[in-house]
Amino acid sequence: MKKIDYIICNECGAHCTADEEMFSWDYGKYNRLICEDCFDAMFDELTRNEKAHLIGSEVRTVEDILYDP
């Protein structure tokens, strides 16, 4: 039996070898493994608010900050 020494990226189909990093990407109830290039591309497609949410940042307007009781 042949030893498998790579994992296929679920986004682009690239063969990722042992020395490469892979990232999980949550698709609702599915979690896919993607290569670093796909991760960068997909992360870049997120809105600023989506990125802020991922790190736990609260997004508020200046008006809300100044006048919110």
N, C-alpha and C. Protein backbone atom coordinates (compact mmCIF):
# COMPACT_ATOMS: atom_id res chain seq x y z
N MET A 1 0.84 -1.18 0.00
CA MET A 1 0.00 0.00 0.00
C MET A 1 0.89 1.25 0.00
N LYS A 2 0.58 2.19 -0.87
CA LYS A 2 1.35 3.42 -1.00
C LYS A 2 1.03 4.38 0.15
N LYS A 3 2.08 4.96 0.71
CA LYS A 3 1.93 5.93 1.79
C LYS A 3 1.50 7.27 1.20
N ILE A 4 0.47 7.89 1.77
CA ILE A 4 0.01 9.21 1.34
C ILE A 4 0.78 10.25 2.15
N ASP A 5 1.44 11.18 1.46
CA ASP A 5 2.26 12.17 2.15
C ASP A 5 1.84 13.60 1.82
N TYR A 6 0.55 13.78 1.51
CA TYR A 6 0.03 15.10 1.22
C TYR A 6 -1.46 15.14 1.55
N ILE A 7 -1.98 16.33 1.67
CA ILE A 7 -3.43 16.56 1.85
C ILE A 7 -3.85 17.51 0.75
N ILE A 8 -5.00 17.27 0.18
CA ILE A 8 -5.51 18.11 -0.90
C ILE A 8 -6.32 19.27 -0.32
N CYS A 9 -6.02 20.47 -0.79
CA CYS A 9 -6.78 21.66 -0.39
C CYS A 9 -8.21 21.51 -0.88
N ASN A 10 -9.16 21.74 0.02
CA ASN A 10 -10.57 21.61 -0.33
C ASN A 10 -11.10 22.77 -1.16
N GLU A 11 -10.28 23.78 -1.39
CA GLU A 11 -10.71 24.93 -2.18
C GLU A 11 -10.15 24.87 -3.60
N CYS A 12 -8.84 24.72 -3.72
CA CYS A 12 -8.21 24.77 -5.05
C CYS A 12 -7.69 23.43 -5.56
N GLY A 13 -7.62 22.45 -4.69
CA GLY A 13 -7.16 21.13 -5.09
C GLY A 13 -5.65 20.95 -5.06
N ALA A 14 -4.91 21.93 -4.54
CA ALA A 14 -3.46 21.81 -4.46
C ALA A 14 -3.07 20.67 -3.52
N HIS A 15 -1.95 20.01 -3.82
CA HIS A 15 -1.41 18.97 -2.96
C HIS A 15 -0.49 19.63 -1.96
N CYS A 16 -0.84 19.59 -0.69
CA CYS A 16 -0.06 20.22 0.36
C CYS A 16 0.78 19.15 1.05
N THR A 17 2.09 19.38 1.08
CA THR A 17 3.01 18.41 1.65
C THR A 17 3.23 18.68 3.14
N ALA A 18 3.99 17.79 3.76
CA ALA A 18 4.16 17.82 5.22
C ALA A 18 4.73 19.13 5.75
N ASP A 19 5.52 19.83 4.95
CA ASP A 19 6.16 21.06 5.45
C ASP A 19 5.30 22.30 5.23
N GLU A 20 4.13 22.14 4.65
CA GLU A 20 3.24 23.28 4.40
C GLU A 20 2.18 23.39 5.49
N GLU A 21 1.70 24.60 5.69
CA GLU A 21 0.62 24.82 6.66
C GLU A 21 -0.73 24.72 5.96
N MET A 22 -1.69 24.19 6.69
CA MET A 22 -3.07 24.15 6.21
C MET A 22 -3.94 24.81 7.27
N PHE A 23 -5.06 25.34 6.83
CA PHE A 23 -5.95 26.07 7.73
C PHE A 23 -7.36 25.51 7.63
N SER A 24 -8.05 25.51 8.74
CA SER A 24 -9.46 25.12 8.70
C SER A 24 -10.27 26.36 8.38
N TRP A 25 -11.32 26.19 7.61
CA TRP A 25 -12.22 27.29 7.26
C TRP A 25 -13.63 26.81 7.50
N ASP A 26 -14.34 27.49 8.36
CA ASP A 26 -15.67 27.07 8.79
C ASP A 26 -16.71 27.48 7.77
N TYR A 27 -17.44 26.50 7.25
CA TYR A 27 -18.54 26.74 6.32
C TYR A 27 -19.84 26.33 6.99
N GLY A 28 -20.25 27.05 8.03
CA GLY A 28 -21.46 26.66 8.75
C GLY A 28 -21.18 25.39 9.54
N LYS A 29 -21.82 24.29 9.17
CA LYS A 29 -21.59 23.06 9.92
C LYS A 29 -20.46 22.22 9.34
N TYR A 30 -19.81 22.70 8.28
CA TYR A 30 -18.69 21.99 7.68
C TYR A 30 -17.40 22.75 7.94
N ASN A 31 -16.35 22.01 8.19
CA ASN A 31 -15.04 22.60 8.40
C ASN A 31 -14.11 22.02 7.34
N ARG A 32 -13.55 22.86 6.48
CA ARG A 32 -12.72 22.40 5.37
C ARG A 32 -11.28 22.79 5.61
N LEU A 33 -10.36 21.95 5.12
CA LEU A 33 -8.94 22.26 5.17
C LEU A 33 -8.54 22.93 3.87
N ILE A 34 -7.88 24.08 4.01
CA ILE A 34 -7.47 24.83 2.82
C ILE A 34 -6.00 25.20 2.93
N CYS A 35 -5.37 25.41 1.77
CA CYS A 35 -3.95 25.78 1.74
C CYS A 35 -3.77 27.24 2.15
N GLU A 36 -2.52 27.63 2.37
CA GLU A 36 -2.24 28.99 2.83
C GLU A 36 -2.62 30.04 1.80
N ASP A 37 -2.47 29.74 0.52
CA ASP A 37 -2.85 30.72 -0.51
C ASP A 37 -4.36 30.95 -0.53
N CYS A 38 -5.12 29.86 -0.42
CA CYS A 38 -6.59 29.99 -0.39
C CYS A 38 -7.04 30.71 0.87
N PHE A 39 -6.37 30.42 2.01
CA PHE A 39 -6.71 31.10 3.26
C PHE A 39 -6.52 32.60 3.10
N ASP A 40 -5.37 33.01 2.56
CA ASP A 40 -5.11 34.43 2.38
C ASP A 40 -6.15 35.07 1.46
N ALA A 41 -6.47 34.39 0.37
CA ALA A 41 -7.45 34.94 -0.58
C ALA A 41 -8.83 35.04 0.05
N MET A 42 -9.24 34.00 0.77
CA MET A 42 -10.57 34.02 1.38
C MET A 42 -10.64 35.03 2.51
N PHE A 43 -9.56 35.16 3.29
CA PHE A 43 -9.54 36.14 4.38
C PHE A 43 -9.62 37.55 3.81
N ASP A 44 -8.92 37.79 2.71
CA ASP A 44 -8.95 39.12 2.08
C ASP A 44 -10.35 39.49 1.58
N GLU A 45 -11.18 38.49 1.30
CA GLU A 45 -12.54 38.74 0.83
C GLU A 45 -13.51 39.11 1.95
N LEU A 46 -13.10 38.90 3.21
CA LEU A 46 -13.96 39.26 4.33
C LEU A 46 -14.07 40.77 4.46
N THR A 47 -15.21 41.23 4.93
CA THR A 47 -15.37 42.66 5.18
C THR A 47 -14.60 43.04 6.44
N ARG A 48 -14.38 44.31 6.63
CA ARG A 48 -13.70 44.80 7.84
C ARG A 48 -14.48 44.37 9.09
N ASN A 49 -15.81 44.46 9.04
CA ASN A 49 -16.62 44.07 10.20
C ASN A 49 -16.50 42.57 10.48
N GLU A 50 -16.42 41.74 9.43
CA GLU A 50 -16.26 40.30 9.63
C GLU A 50 -14.90 40.00 10.28
N LYS A 51 -13.86 40.70 9.85
CA LYS A 51 -12.54 40.52 10.45
C LYS A 51 -12.55 40.97 11.91
N ALA A 52 -13.19 42.09 12.18
CA ALA A 52 -13.28 42.59 13.55
C ALA A 52 -14.01 41.59 14.45
N HIS A 53 -15.08 41.02 13.95
CA HIS A 53 -15.84 40.03 14.71
C HIS A 53 -14.97 38.82 15.05
N LEU A 54 -14.13 38.39 14.11
CA LEU A 54 -13.27 37.23 14.33
C LEU A 54 -12.31 37.43 15.49
N ILE A 55 -11.86 38.65 15.71
CA ILE A 55 -10.92 38.90 16.81
C ILE A 55 -11.61 39.43 18.06
N GLY A 56 -12.94 39.52 18.02
CA GLY A 56 -13.69 39.96 19.19
C GLY A 56 -13.77 41.46 19.36
N SER A 57 -13.53 42.20 18.31
CA SER A 57 -13.59 43.65 18.37
C SER A 57 -15.04 44.13 18.28
N GLU A 58 -15.38 45.09 19.12
CA GLU A 58 -16.71 45.68 19.09
C GLU A 58 -16.70 46.82 18.07
N VAL A 59 -17.65 46.80 17.17
CA VAL A 59 -17.74 47.83 16.13
C VAL A 59 -18.89 48.77 16.48
N ARG A 60 -18.55 50.05 16.66
CA ARG A 60 -19.57 51.05 17.00
C ARG A 60 -19.29 52.32 16.22
N THR A 61 -20.32 53.10 16.01
CA THR A 61 -20.13 54.40 15.36
C THR A 61 -19.67 55.41 16.41
N VAL A 62 -19.09 56.50 15.95
CA VAL A 62 -18.68 57.58 16.86
C VAL A 62 -19.91 58.10 17.59
N GLU A 63 -21.02 58.25 16.88
CA GLU A 63 -22.25 58.72 17.50
C GLU A 63 -22.67 57.82 18.65
N ASP A 64 -22.60 56.50 18.45
CA ASP A 64 -22.96 55.56 19.51
C ASP A 64 -22.04 55.71 20.72
N ILE A 65 -20.76 55.91 20.46
CA ILE A 65 -19.80 56.03 21.56
C ILE A 65 -20.03 57.32 22.34
N LEU A 66 -20.30 58.42 21.64
CA LEU A 66 -20.47 59.71 22.31
C LEU A 66 -21.80 59.86 23.03
N TYR A 67 -22.86 59.28 22.46
CA TYR A 67 -24.19 59.57 22.98
C TYR A 67 -24.92 58.38 23.55
N ASP A 68 -24.32 57.20 23.55
CA ASP A 68 -24.98 56.02 24.09
C ASP A 68 -24.87 56.05 25.61
N PRO A 69 -26.00 55.99 26.30
CA PRO A 69 -25.95 56.07 27.77
C PRO A 69 -25.28 54.88 28.41
